[in-house]
Amino acid sequence: MNSDPFDGDSVRGAAQQLLTAHRVIDPAPASEGAVEAARVQGGPNLTHRGDPRFDTADFGEPAPGNLRVDYAVPSKPMQVVGSGVFWPLAADPLARLNDASDHHATWVDLRVR
C-alpha cells in the first residue's frame, strides 16, 4: 500500500481507512529488528510518531526513514493467532537478508472459524 498511518508523505488518512474498516482486523505485525534499525539509523526515525515496532520498510535517510507501509489485513471472522515482520536483529545470522529489499515480509497466522 506504501502508506504509513502516521509518518511519511502518503495521503493522510489512507492507511487509517484500511486499518479501521469494520470488517478488517489489524494484527499489528511487529519486529524487534525494526526497533533496532530505527535506533541505530536515527535521523527521521527519531521524530516519527508511529511505533517503530510496526515498521515494515527501510527507505533510508535523510528521509523518509523507516515506515509501516506493508499490510496483511485479514477480514472478520478469521482469528489472528500470530503475526510479524521479517526484520531480524543485526546479531541474527539471517540479518544478511535485511538488505534484499527495502520492504520486509509481513505475515499473519490465522485460524478460520
Protein backbone atom coordinates (compact mmCIF):
# COMPACT_ATOMS: atom_id res chain seq x y z
CA MET A 1 0.00 0.00 0.00
CA ASN A 2 3.01 2.27 0.61
CA SER A 3 1.07 4.40 3.10
CA ASP A 4 2.08 4.83 6.74
CA PRO A 5 -0.67 5.62 9.28
CA PHE A 6 1.38 8.37 10.96
CA ASP A 7 4.54 9.32 9.08
CA GLY A 8 5.88 9.84 5.57
CA ASP A 9 4.34 11.72 2.69
CA SER A 10 1.44 9.48 1.67
CA VAL A 11 -2.14 10.74 1.53
CA ARG A 12 -3.22 11.48 5.10
CA GLY A 13 -5.82 9.05 6.39
CA ALA A 14 -5.39 6.43 3.66
CA ALA A 15 -3.83 3.77 5.89
CA GLN A 16 -6.23 4.58 8.74
CA GLN A 17 -9.21 3.95 6.45
CA LEU A 18 -7.91 0.47 5.75
CA LEU A 19 -6.92 -0.35 9.33
CA THR A 20 -10.19 0.84 10.87
CA ALA A 21 -12.58 -0.65 8.31
CA HIS A 22 -15.33 -2.51 10.15
CA ARG A 23 -14.62 -5.91 8.51
CA VAL A 24 -10.83 -5.75 8.84
CA ILE A 25 -8.57 -6.96 11.62
CA ASP A 26 -5.29 -5.11 12.15
CA PRO A 27 -2.97 -7.77 13.60
CA ALA A 28 -0.23 -5.10 14.00
CA PRO A 29 2.69 -7.30 12.90
CA ALA A 30 5.89 -6.23 14.64
CA SER A 31 9.60 -6.93 14.88
CA GLU A 32 12.47 -6.12 17.21
CA GLY A 33 14.74 -5.67 14.18
CA ALA A 34 12.76 -2.62 13.12
CA VAL A 35 13.16 -1.09 16.58
CA GLU A 36 16.90 -1.70 16.47
CA ALA A 37 17.22 -0.25 12.96
CA ALA A 38 15.31 2.91 13.88
CA ARG A 39 17.55 3.46 16.89
CA VAL A 40 20.81 2.78 15.03
CA GLN A 41 19.88 4.75 11.91
CA GLY A 42 18.47 7.71 13.82
CA GLY A 43 17.64 10.63 11.55
CA PRO A 44 13.93 10.95 10.72
CA ASN A 45 13.19 7.76 12.67
CA LEU A 46 13.74 9.69 15.90
CA THR A 47 10.88 12.09 15.16
CA HIS A 48 8.33 9.62 13.77
CA ARG A 49 5.01 9.44 15.58
CA GLY A 50 4.45 5.77 14.72
CA ASP A 51 5.87 2.98 16.90
CA PRO A 52 8.99 1.58 15.17
CA ARG A 53 7.96 -1.99 16.18
CA PHE A 54 5.41 -1.84 13.36
CA ASP A 55 7.73 -0.55 10.61
CA THR A 56 7.85 -2.77 7.54
CA ALA A 57 10.15 -0.81 5.23
CA ASP A 58 13.57 0.83 5.43
CA PHE A 59 13.58 3.72 2.96
CA GLY A 60 16.81 5.17 4.29
CA GLU A 61 17.87 8.54 5.37
CA PRO A 62 17.73 11.51 5.28
CA ALA A 63 14.04 10.92 4.52
CA PRO A 64 11.58 9.36 4.95
CA GLY A 65 13.25 6.74 7.17
CA ASN A 66 11.57 3.52 8.26
CA LEU A 67 7.79 3.28 7.88
CA ARG A 68 4.84 0.90 8.20
CA VAL A 69 3.74 0.61 4.58
CA ASP A 70 3.06 -3.12 4.06
CA TYR A 71 -0.05 -4.80 5.39
CA ALA A 72 -1.59 -8.22 5.84
CA VAL A 73 -5.13 -7.45 6.98
CA PRO A 74 -7.47 -10.42 7.29
CA SER A 75 -11.21 -9.97 7.46
CA LYS A 76 -13.53 -10.95 10.25
CA PRO A 77 -14.44 -13.62 11.38
CA MET A 78 -10.94 -15.03 10.99
CA GLN A 79 -8.96 -15.26 14.22
CA VAL A 80 -5.38 -13.96 14.32
CA VAL A 81 -3.10 -16.37 16.18
CA GLY A 82 0.21 -14.75 15.26
CA SER A 83 1.80 -12.06 13.13
CA GLY A 84 5.15 -10.46 12.48
CA VAL A 85 7.55 -8.67 10.20
CA PHE A 86 10.65 -10.48 8.98
CA TRP A 87 13.25 -7.97 10.15
CA PRO A 88 15.93 -9.88 12.09
CA LEU A 89 18.14 -8.17 14.65
CA ALA A 90 21.67 -7.32 13.43
CA ALA A 91 23.16 -10.16 15.51
CA ASP A 92 20.92 -12.77 13.85
CA PRO A 93 22.61 -14.71 11.00
CA LEU A 94 19.54 -14.01 8.85
CA ALA A 95 20.11 -10.25 9.15
CA ARG A 96 22.12 -10.52 5.93
CA LEU A 97 18.72 -10.68 4.20
CA ASN A 98 17.61 -7.30 5.57
CA ASP A 99 19.06 -5.54 2.54
CA ALA A 100 17.43 -7.84 -0.04
CA SER A 101 14.64 -5.26 -0.39
CA ASP A 102 13.63 -2.02 1.24
CA HIS A 103 10.39 -3.82 2.21
CA HIS A 104 10.29 -6.61 4.80
CA ALA A 105 7.95 -9.60 4.58
CA THR A 106 4.82 -9.18 6.68
CA TRP A 107 2.91 -12.28 7.79
CA VAL A 108 -0.20 -13.31 9.70
CA ASP A 109 -1.17 -16.73 11.03
CA LEU A 110 -4.93 -17.27 11.03
CA ARG A 111 -7.50 -19.66 12.40
CA VAL A 112 -10.61 -19.84 10.28
CA ARG A 113 -13.74 -20.33 12.34
